[in-house]
PDB file of N, CA and C in Angstrom:
ATOM      1  N   UNK A   1      77.047  90.916 148.687  1.00  0.00           N
ATOM      2  CA  UNK A   1      77.781  91.633 149.004  1.00  0.00           C
ATOM      3  C   UNK A   1      76.993  90.560 150.443  1.00  0.00           C
ATOM      4  N   UNK A   2      77.409  90.407 151.521  1.00  0.00           N
ATOM      5  CA  UNK A   2      77.505  90.270 153.048  1.00  0.00           C
ATOM      6  C   UNK A   2      77.641  90.850 154.378  1.00  0.00           C
ATOM      7  N   UNK A   3      76.459  90.623 155.335  1.00  0.00           N
ATOM      8  CA  UNK A   3      77.379  92.040 156.599  1.00  0.00           C
ATOM      9  C   UNK A   3      78.430  92.809 156.622  1.00  0.00           C
ATOM     10  N   UNK A   4      79.887  91.378 156.657  1.00  0.00           N
ATOM     11  CA  UNK A   4      81.321  91.437 157.196  1.00  0.00           C
ATOM     12  C   UNK A   4      81.885  92.408 155.702  1.00  0.00           C
ATOM     13  N   UNK A   5      81.162  91.747 154.916  1.00  0.00           N
ATOM     14  CA  UNK A   5      82.466  93.162 153.736  1.00  0.00           C
ATOM     15  C   UNK A   5      81.856  93.681 153.556  1.00  0.00           C
ATOM     16  N   UNK A   6      80.078  94.402 153.731  1.00  0.00           N
ATOM     17  CA  UNK A   6      79.102  95.480 153.867  1.00  0.00           C
ATOM     18  C   UNK A   6      80.467  96.084 155.520  1.00  0.00           C
ATOM     19  N   UNK A   7      79.973  95.450 156.801  1.00  0.00           N
ATOM     20  CA  UNK A   7      81.269  97.107 157.849  1.00  0.00           C
ATOM     21  C   UNK A   7      82.657  96.587 157.173  1.00  0.00           C
ATOM     22  N   UNK A   8      83.462  96.554 156.519  1.00  0.00           N
ATOM     23  CA  UNK A   8      84.487  96.239 155.805  1.00  0.00           C
ATOM     24  C   UNK A   8      84.547  98.013 155.561  1.00  0.00           C
ATOM     25  N   UNK A   9      83.650  97.401 154.291  1.00  0.00           N
ATOM     26  CA  UNK A   9      83.344  98.523 153.301  1.00  0.00           C
ATOM     27  C   UNK A   9      83.420 100.625 154.055  1.00  0.00           C
ATOM     28  N   UNK A  10      82.423 100.026 154.748  1.00  0.00           N
ATOM     29  CA  UNK A  10      82.121 100.872 155.541  1.00  0.00           C
ATOM     30  C   UNK A  10      83.204 101.688 156.146  1.00  0.00           C
ATOM     31  N   UNK A  11      83.829 100.526 157.601  1.00  0.00           N
ATOM     32  CA  UNK A  11      85.547 101.188 157.502  1.00  0.00           C
ATOM     33  C   UNK A  11      86.209 101.461 157.379  1.00  0.00           C
ATOM     34  N   UNK A  12      86.842 101.030 155.579  1.00  0.00           N
ATOM     35  CA  UNK A  12      87.122 101.722 154.617  1.00  0.00           C
ATOM     36  C   UNK A  12      86.610 103.323 155.113  1.00  0.00           C
ATOM     37  N   UNK A  13      86.105 102.895 153.871  1.00  0.00           N
ATOM     38  CA  UNK A  13      85.128 104.290 153.652  1.00  0.00           C
ATOM     39  C   UNK A  13      85.319 106.141 154.417  1.00  0.00           C
ATOM     40  N   UNK A  14      85.288 105.015 156.015  1.00  0.00           N
ATOM     41  CA  UNK A  14      84.581 106.364 156.766  1.00  0.00           C
ATOM     42  C   UNK A  14      85.856 106.540 158.252  1.00  0.00           C
ATOM     43  N   UNK A  15      86.716 105.620 157.453  1.00  0.00           N
ATOM     44  CA  UNK A  15      87.835 105.687 158.647  1.00  0.00           C
ATOM     45  C   UNK A  15      87.883 105.087 159.627  1.00  0.00           C
ATOM     46  N   UNK A  16      86.768 104.210 160.128  1.00  0.00           N
ATOM     47  CA  UNK A  16      86.413 103.718 161.759  1.00  0.00           C
ATOM     48  C   UNK A  16      86.480 102.548 161.187  1.00  0.00           C
ATOM     49  N   UNK A  17      87.150 102.417 162.601  1.00  0.00           N
ATOM     50  CA  UNK A  17      87.773 100.330 163.090  1.00  0.00           C
ATOM     51  C   UNK A  17      86.631 100.333 162.259  1.00  0.00           C
ATOM     52  N   UNK A  18      87.388  98.947 162.080  1.00  0.00           N
ATOM     53  CA  UNK A  18      85.899  97.427 162.025  1.00  0.00           C
ATOM     54  C   UNK A  18      84.396  97.264 163.017  1.00  0.00           C
ATOM     55  N   UNK A  19      85.138  97.822 163.938  1.00  0.00           N
ATOM     56  CA  UNK A  19      84.486  97.362 165.573  1.00  0.00           C
ATOM     57  C   UNK A  19      83.798  98.643 165.446  1.00  0.00           C
ATOM     58  N   UNK A  20      83.587 100.192 165.337  1.00  0.00           N
ATOM     59  CA  UNK A  20      83.137 101.060 164.968  1.00  0.00           C
ATOM     60  C   UNK A  20      82.230 101.118 163.807  1.00  0.00           C
ATOM     61  N   UNK A  21      82.648 100.755 162.631  1.00  0.00           N
ATOM     62  CA  UNK A  21      81.485 100.471 161.811  1.00  0.00           C
ATOM     63  C   UNK A  21      80.650  99.521 162.185  1.00  0.00           C
ATOM     64  N   UNK A  22      80.909  98.322 163.188  1.00  0.00           N
ATOM     65  CA  UNK A  22      79.926  97.872 163.339  1.00  0.00           C
ATOM     66  C   UNK A  22      78.570  98.215 163.975  1.00  0.00           C
ATOM     67  N   UNK A  23      79.462  98.509 165.333  1.00  0.00           N
ATOM     68  CA  UNK A  23      78.501  99.277 165.836  1.00  0.00           C
ATOM     69  C   UNK A  23      77.954 100.741 165.261  1.00  0.00           C
ATOM     70  N   UNK A  24      77.889 101.121 163.876  1.00  0.00           N
ATOM     71  CA  UNK A  24      77.200 102.262 163.015  1.00  0.00           C
ATOM     72  C   UNK A  24      76.332 101.331 162.855  1.00  0.00           C
ATOM     73  N   UNK A  25      76.886  99.936 162.149  1.00  0.00           N
ATOM     74  CA  UNK A  25      75.828  99.072 161.166  1.00  0.00           C
ATOM     75  C   UNK A  25      74.632  99.099 161.702  1.00  0.00           C
ATOM     76  N   UNK A  26      74.608  98.461 163.305  1.00  0.00           N
ATOM     77  CA  UNK A  26      73.595  98.016 164.711  1.00  0.00           C
ATOM     78  C   UNK A  26      73.273  98.929 165.131  1.00  0.00           C
ATOM     79  N   UNK A  27      73.994 100.455 165.196  1.00  0.00           N
ATOM     80  CA  UNK A  27      72.586 101.623 165.092  1.00  0.00           C
ATOM     81  C   UNK A  27      71.931 101.871 164.288  1.00  0.00           C
ATOM     82  N   UNK A  28      72.302 102.173 162.997  1.00  0.00           N
ATOM     83  CA  UNK A  28      71.434 102.146 161.999  1.00  0.00           C
ATOM     84  C   UNK A  28      70.147 101.155 161.677  1.00  0.00           C
ATOM     85  N   UNK A  29      70.525  99.603 161.442  1.00  0.00           N
ATOM     86  CA  UNK A  29      69.705  98.807 162.098  1.00  0.00           C
ATOM     87  C   UNK A  29      68.712  99.425 163.024  1.00  0.00           C
ATOM     88  N   UNK A  30      68.925  99.092 163.933  1.00  0.00           N
ATOM     89  CA  UNK A  30      68.037  99.033 165.180  1.00  0.00           C
ATOM     90  C   UNK A  30      67.080 100.782 165.599  1.00  0.00           C
ATOM     91  N   UNK A  31      68.022 101.506 164.911  1.00  0.00           N
ATOM     92  CA  UNK A  31      66.675 103.258 164.217  1.00  0.00           C
ATOM     93  C   UNK A  31      65.950 102.615 163.943  1.00  0.00           C
ATOM     94  N   UNK A  32      66.104 102.081 162.226  1.00  0.00           N
ATOM     95  CA  UNK A  32      64.679 101.667 161.932  1.00  0.00           C
ATOM     96  C   UNK A  32      64.277 101.100 161.777  1.00  0.00           C
ATOM     97  N   UNK A  33      64.214  99.577 162.893  1.00  0.00           N
ATOM     98  CA  UNK A  33      63.676  98.906 163.327  1.00  0.00           C
ATOM     99  C   UNK A  33      62.474  99.843 164.321  1.00  0.00           C
ATOM    100  N   UNK A  34      62.887 100.576 164.704  1.00  0.00           N
ATOM    101  CA  UNK A  34      62.244 100.897 165.836  1.00  0.00           C
ATOM    102  C   UNK A  34      61.225 101.861 165.704  1.00  0.00           C
ATOM    103  N   UNK A  35      61.954 103.281 164.379  1.00  0.00           N
ATOM    104  CA  UNK A  35      60.974 103.492 164.520  1.00  0.00           C
ATOM    105  C   UNK A  35      59.689 103.039 163.419  1.00  0.00           C
ATOM    106  N   UNK A  36      60.266 102.138 162.325  1.00  0.00           N
ATOM    107  CA  UNK A  36      58.602 101.333 161.043  1.00  0.00           C
ATOM    108  C   UNK A  36      58.094 100.900 162.719  1.00  0.00           C
ATOM    109  N   UNK A  37      58.310  99.989 163.454  1.00  0.00           N
ATOM    110  CA  UNK A  37      57.176  99.900 164.411  1.00  0.00           C
ATOM    111  C   UNK A  37      56.683 100.521 165.663  1.00  0.00           C
ATOM    112  N   UNK A  38      57.328 101.880 165.463  1.00  0.00           N
ATOM    113  CA  UNK A  38      56.267 102.908 166.211  1.00  0.00           C
ATOM    114  C   UNK A  38      54.844 103.436 165.254  1.00  0.00           C
ATOM    115  N   UNK A  39      55.536 103.200 163.758  1.00  0.00           N
ATOM    116  CA  UNK A  39      54.711 103.536 162.798  1.00  0.00           C
ATOM    117  C   UNK A  39      55.297 105.259 161.685  1.00  0.00           C
ATOM    118  N   UNK A  40      56.120 104.788 162.152  1.00  0.00           N
ATOM    119  CA  UNK A  40      57.533 105.696 162.117  1.00  0.00           C
ATOM    120  C   UNK A  40      57.425 106.102 160.553  1.00  0.00           C
ATOM    121  N   UNK A  41      57.684 106.823 158.973  1.00  0.00           N
ATOM    122  CA  UNK A  41      58.385 106.986 157.630  1.00  0.00           C
ATOM    123  C   UNK A  41      59.847 106.922 158.580  1.00  0.00           C
ATOM    124  N   UNK A  42      60.949 106.760 157.510  1.00  0.00           N
ATOM    125  CA  UNK A  42      62.140 107.704 157.423  1.00  0.00           C
ATOM    126  C   UNK A  42      62.397 107.782 156.151  1.00  0.00           C
ATOM    127  N   UNK A  43      62.386 109.213 155.565  1.00  0.00           N
ATOM    128  CA  UNK A  43      62.922 109.349 154.726  1.00  0.00           C
ATOM    129  C   UNK A  43      64.551 109.509 154.757  1.00  0.00           C
ATOM    130  N   UNK A  44      65.627 108.665 154.041  1.00  0.00           N
ATOM    131  CA  UNK A  44      66.332 109.752 153.608  1.00  0.00           C
ATOM    132  C   UNK A  44      66.932 109.503 152.271  1.00  0.00           C
ATOM    133  N   UNK A  45      67.310 111.437 152.121  1.00  0.00           N
ATOM    134  CA  UNK A  45      66.634 112.374 150.887  1.00  0.00           C
ATOM    135  C   UNK A  45      68.095 111.701 149.995  1.00  0.00           C
ATOM    136  N   UNK A  46      68.106 111.073 148.623  1.00  0.00           N
ATOM    137  CA  UNK A  46      68.845 111.024 147.713  1.00  0.00           C
ATOM    138  C   UNK A  46      68.603 109.142 148.005  1.00  0.00           C
ATOM    139  N   UNK A  47      68.304 108.614 149.273  1.00  0.00           N
ATOM    140  CA  UNK A  47      68.631 107.323 149.244  1.00  0.00           C
ATOM    141  C   UNK A  47      67.177 106.342 148.585  1.00  0.00           C
ATOM    142  N   UNK A  48      66.928 106.562 149.626  1.00  0.00           N
ATOM    143  CA  UNK A  48      65.061 106.061 149.383  1.00  0.00           C
ATOM    144  C   UNK A  48      63.901 106.613 151.083  1.00  0.00           C
ATOM    145  N   UNK A  49      63.790 105.553 150.530  1.00  0.00           N
ATOM    146  CA  UNK A  49      62.142 106.137 152.299  1.00  0.00           C
ATOM    147  C   UNK A  49      61.846 104.492 152.458  1.00  0.00           C
ATOM    148  N   UNK A  50      61.662 104.192 153.720  1.00  0.00           N
ATOM    149  CA  UNK A  50      62.007 103.202 154.701  1.00  0.00           C
ATOM    150  C   UNK A  50      60.258 103.469 155.709  1.00  0.00           C
ATOM    151  N   UNK A  51      59.734 102.165 154.828  1.00  0.00           N
ATOM    152  CA  UNK A  51      57.792 102.877 155.389  1.00  0.00           C
ATOM    153  C   UNK A  51      57.027 101.519 155.548  1.00  0.00           C
ATOM    154  N   UNK A  52      55.892 101.560 156.187  1.00  0.00           N
ATOM    155  CA  UNK A  52      55.138 100.202 156.374  1.00  0.00           C
ATOM    156  C   UNK A  52      54.316 100.310 155.309  1.00  0.00           C
ATOM    157  N   UNK A  53      53.874  98.940 154.614  1.00  0.00           N
ATOM    158  CA  UNK A  53      52.541  98.237 154.505  1.00  0.00           C
ATOM    159  C   UNK A  53      51.731  97.784 154.473  1.00  0.00           C
ATOM    160  N   UNK A  54      50.365  98.357 155.208  1.00  0.00           N
ATOM    161  CA  UNK A  54      49.276  97.357 155.772  1.00  0.00           C
ATOM    162  C   UNK A  54      48.354  96.182 154.653  1.00  0.00           C
ATOM    163  N   UNK A  55      48.816  95.053 155.109  1.00  0.00           N
ATOM    164  CA  UNK A  55      48.087  93.978 154.811  1.00  0.00           C
ATOM    165  C   UNK A  55      47.114  93.782 155.189  1.00  0.00           C
ATOM    166  N   UNK A  56      45.650  93.805 154.819  1.00  0.00           N
ATOM    167  CA  UNK A  56      44.558  92.973 155.059  1.00  0.00           C
ATOM    168  C   UNK A  56      43.754  92.209 155.366  1.00  0.00           C
ATOM    169  N   UNK A  57      43.489  91.390 156.488  1.00  0.00           N
ATOM    170  CA  UNK A  57      42.493  90.228 156.434  1.00  0.00           C
ATOM    171  C   UNK A  57      42.446  89.820 154.773  1.00  0.00           C
ATOM    172  N   UNK A  58      42.517  88.504 154.833  1.00  0.00           N
ATOM    173  CA  UNK A  58      41.894  88.075 153.410  1.00  0.00           C
ATOM    174  C   UNK A  58      42.081  86.196 153.553  1.00  0.00           C
ATOM    175  N   UNK A  59      41.890  86.102 152.096  1.00  0.00           N
ATOM    176  CA  UNK A  59      41.284  84.329 152.043  1.00  0.00           C
ATOM    177  C   UNK A  59      42.446  84.076 151.326  1.00  0.00           C
ATOM    178  N   UNK A  60      43.126  83.007 151.177  1.00  0.00           N
ATOM    179  CA  UNK A  60      43.815  82.290 150.491  1.00  0.00           C
ATOM    180  C   UNK A  60      43.720  81.201 149.546  1.00  0.00           C
ATOM    181  N   UNK A  61      43.747  80.489 149.170  1.00  0.00           N
ATOM    182  CA  UNK A  61      43.998  78.404 149.666  1.00  0.00           C
ATOM    183  C   UNK A  61      45.148  77.647 149.367  1.00  0.00           C
ATOM    184  N   UNK A  62      45.306  76.815 150.830  1.00  0.00           N
ATOM    185  CA  UNK A  62      46.269  76.319 150.557  1.00  0.00           C
ATOM    186  C   UNK A  62      46.458  75.302 149.191  1.00  0.00           C
ATOM    187  N   UNK A  63      48.340  75.374 148.462  1.00  0.00           N
ATOM    188  CA  UNK A  63      48.141  74.999 147.109  1.00  0.00           C
ATOM    189  C   UNK A  63      47.784  73.253 147.492  1.00  0.00           C
ATOM    190  N   UNK A  64      48.564  72.123 148.352  1.00  0.00           N
ATOM    191  CA  UNK A  64      48.889  70.738 147.863  1.00  0.00           C
ATOM    192  C   UNK A  64      47.037  70.686 148.196  1.00  0.00           C
ATOM    193  N   UNK A  65      46.293  71.041 148.549  1.00  0.00           N
ATOM    194  CA  UNK A  65      44.450  70.793 149.229  1.00  0.00           C
ATOM    195  C   UNK A  65      43.443  71.092 148.878  1.00  0.00           C
ATOM    196  N   UNK A  66      43.866  72.242 147.931  1.00  0.00           N
ATOM    197  CA  UNK A  66      43.031  73.590 147.555  1.00  0.00           C
ATOM    198  C   UNK A  66      41.721  73.598 148.992  1.00  0.00           C
ATOM    199  N   UNK A  67      42.261  73.926 149.652  1.00  0.00           N
ATOM    200  CA  UNK A  67      41.627  74.482 151.157  1.00  0.00           C
ATOM    201  C   UNK A  67      41.177  75.662 151.198  1.00  0.00           C
ATOM    202  N   UNK A  68      40.437  76.107 152.077  1.00  0.00           N
ATOM    203  CA  UNK A  68      40.100  77.594 151.923  1.00  0.00           C
ATOM    204  C   UNK A  68      40.694  77.883 153.486  1.00  0.00           C
ATOM    205  N   UNK A  69      41.970  78.847 152.980  1.00  0.00           N
ATOM    206  CA  UNK A  69      43.057  79.415 154.686  1.00  0.00           C
ATOM    207  C   UNK A  69      42.392  81.129 154.899  1.00  0.00           C
ATOM    208  N   UNK A  70      42.742  81.065 156.308  1.00  0.00           N
ATOM    209  CA  UNK A  70      42.446  82.887 156.554  1.00  0.00           C
ATOM    210  C   UNK A  70      43.982  83.162 156.585  1.00  0.00           C
ATOM    211  N   UNK A  71      43.921  84.101 156.173  1.00  0.00           N
ATOM    212  CA  UNK A  71      45.225  84.819 156.148  1.00  0.00           C
ATOM    213  C   UNK A  71      45.097  86.328 156.907  1.00  0.00           C
ATOM    214  N   UNK A  72      45.551  85.892 157.932  1.00  0.00           N
ATOM    215  CA  UNK A  72      46.125  86.931 158.733  1.00  0.00           C
ATOM    216  C   UNK A  72      46.219  88.439 158.079  1.00  0.00           C
ATOM    217  N   UNK A  73      45.787  89.631 159.022  1.00  0.00           N
ATOM    218  CA  UNK A  73      46.102  91.387 158.676  1.00  0.00           C
ATOM    219  C   UNK A  73      47.670  90.791 159.527  1.00  0.00           C
ATOM    220  N   UNK A  74      48.541  91.359 158.887  1.00  0.00           N
ATOM    221  CA  UNK A  74      49.595  91.972 159.253  1.00  0.00           C
ATOM    222  C   UNK A  74      49.986  93.324 157.877  1.00  0.00           C
ATOM    223  N   UNK A  75      51.515  94.143 159.203  1.00  0.00           N
ATOM    224  CA  UNK A  75      52.771  95.017 158.332  1.00  0.00           C
ATOM    225  C   UNK A  75      53.653  94.855 158.433  1.00  0.00           C
ATOM    226  N   UNK A  76      53.503  95.195 157.239  1.00  0.00           N
ATOM    227  CA  UNK A  76      55.001  94.596 156.413  1.00  0.00           C
ATOM    228  C   UNK A  76      56.073  95.284 156.572  1.00  0.00           C
ATOM    229  N   UNK A  77      58.215  96.010 156.370  1.00  0.00           N
ATOM    230  CA  UNK A  77      58.477  96.898 156.428  1.00  0.00           C
ATOM    231  C   UNK A  77      58.552  96.730 154.108  1.00  0.00           C
ATOM    232  N   UNK A  78      58.426  97.703 154.003  1.00  0.00           N
ATOM    233  CA  UNK A  78      58.787  98.116 152.740  1.00  0.00           C
ATOM    234  C   UNK A  78      60.045  99.790 152.086  1.00  0.00           C
ATOM    235  N   UNK A  79      60.832  98.821 151.988  1.00  0.00           N
ATOM    236  CA  UNK A  79      61.575 100.156 151.144  1.00  0.00           C
ATOM    237  C   UNK A  79      61.595 100.895 149.731  1.00  0.00           C
ATOM    238  N   UNK A  80      62.078 101.715 149.221  1.00  0.00           N
ATOM    239  CA  UNK A  80      61.894 103.059 147.966  1.00  0.00           C
ATOM    240  C   UNK A  80      62.578 103.842 147.993  1.00  0.00           C
ATOM    241  N   UNK A  81      63.232 103.499 146.552  1.00  0.00           N
ATOM    242  CA  UNK A  81      64.497 104.321 146.256  1.00  0.00           C
ATOM    243  C   UNK A  81      64.162 105.185 146.246  1.00  0.00           C
ATOM    244  N   UNK A  82      65.576 105.414 146.237  1.00  0.00           N
ATOM    245  CA  UNK A  82      65.559 107.253 145.650  1.00  0.00           C
ATOM    246  C   UNK A  82      65.614 107.655 144.463  1.00  0.00           C
ATOM    247  N   UNK A  83      65.382 108.668 143.840  1.00  0.00           N
ATOM    248  CA  UNK A  83      65.940 108.927 142.367  1.00  0.00           C
ATOM    249  C   UNK A  83      67.853 108.814 142.186  1.00  0.00           C
ATOM    250  N   UNK A  84      68.034 110.261 143.717  1.00  0.00           N
ATOM    251  CA  UNK A  84      70.187 109.851 143.486  1.00  0.00           C
ATOM    252  C   UNK A  84      70.250 108.401 143.009  1.00  0.00           C
ATOM    253  N   UNK A  85      69.409 107.603 143.565  1.00  0.00           N
ATOM    254  CA  UNK A  85      70.026 106.119 144.261  1.00  0.00           C
ATOM    255  C   UNK A  85      70.449 105.420 142.858  1.00  0.00           C
ATOM    256  N   UNK A  86      68.097 105.640 142.533  1.00  0.00           N
ATOM    257  CA  UNK A  86      68.417 104.905 140.870  1.00  0.00           C
ATOM    258  C   UNK A  86      69.381 105.478 139.445  1.00  0.00           C
ATOM    259  N   UNK A  87      69.254 107.131 139.923  1.00  0.00           N
ATOM    260  CA  UNK A  87      70.205 107.566 138.458  1.00  0.00           C
ATOM    261  C   UNK A  87      71.411 106.933 139.050  1.00  0.00           C
ATOM    262  N   UNK A  88      72.402 106.446 140.002  1.00  0.00           N
ATOM    263  CA  UNK A  88      73.597 106.248 140.767  1.00  0.00           C
ATOM    264  C   UNK A  88      73.723 104.657 140.404  1.00  0.00           C
ATOM    265  N   UNK A  89      72.958 103.419 140.209  1.00  0.00           N
ATOM    266  CA  UNK A  89      72.533 102.373 139.786  1.00  0.00           C
ATOM    267  C   UNK A  89      72.647 102.592 138.007  1.00  0.00           C
ATOM    268  N   UNK A  90      71.852 103.250 137.276  1.00  0.00           N
ATOM    269  CA  UNK A  90      71.216 102.826 135.965  1.00  0.00           C
ATOM    270  C   UNK A  90      72.799 103.224 135.570  1.00  0.00           C
ATOM    271  N   UNK A  91      72.940 105.105 135.567  1.00  0.00           N
ATOM    272  CA  UNK A  91      74.111 105.844 135.335  1.00  0.00           C
ATOM    273  C   UNK A  91      75.380 105.940 135.528  1.00  0.00           C
TER     274      UNK A  91
END
């Protein structure tokens, strides 16, 4: 399912126009991004949790040359599925 199909399903299930469903989709994505940028954790009970994983700086290797390179520290978004979502997918 791509973004367009997702927005169409949202519109259908919520009795919104496609334009309004697109606005809701964009607002959700922007809110999650802003929260994660601010270091907040977003818990949607029954669905899952969005948070940030901190990766420390480390050394790596260039696979073509074998040369050691320095990999900078970074922050990575992470999603952990909730129990209700796992149960719905598996059952």
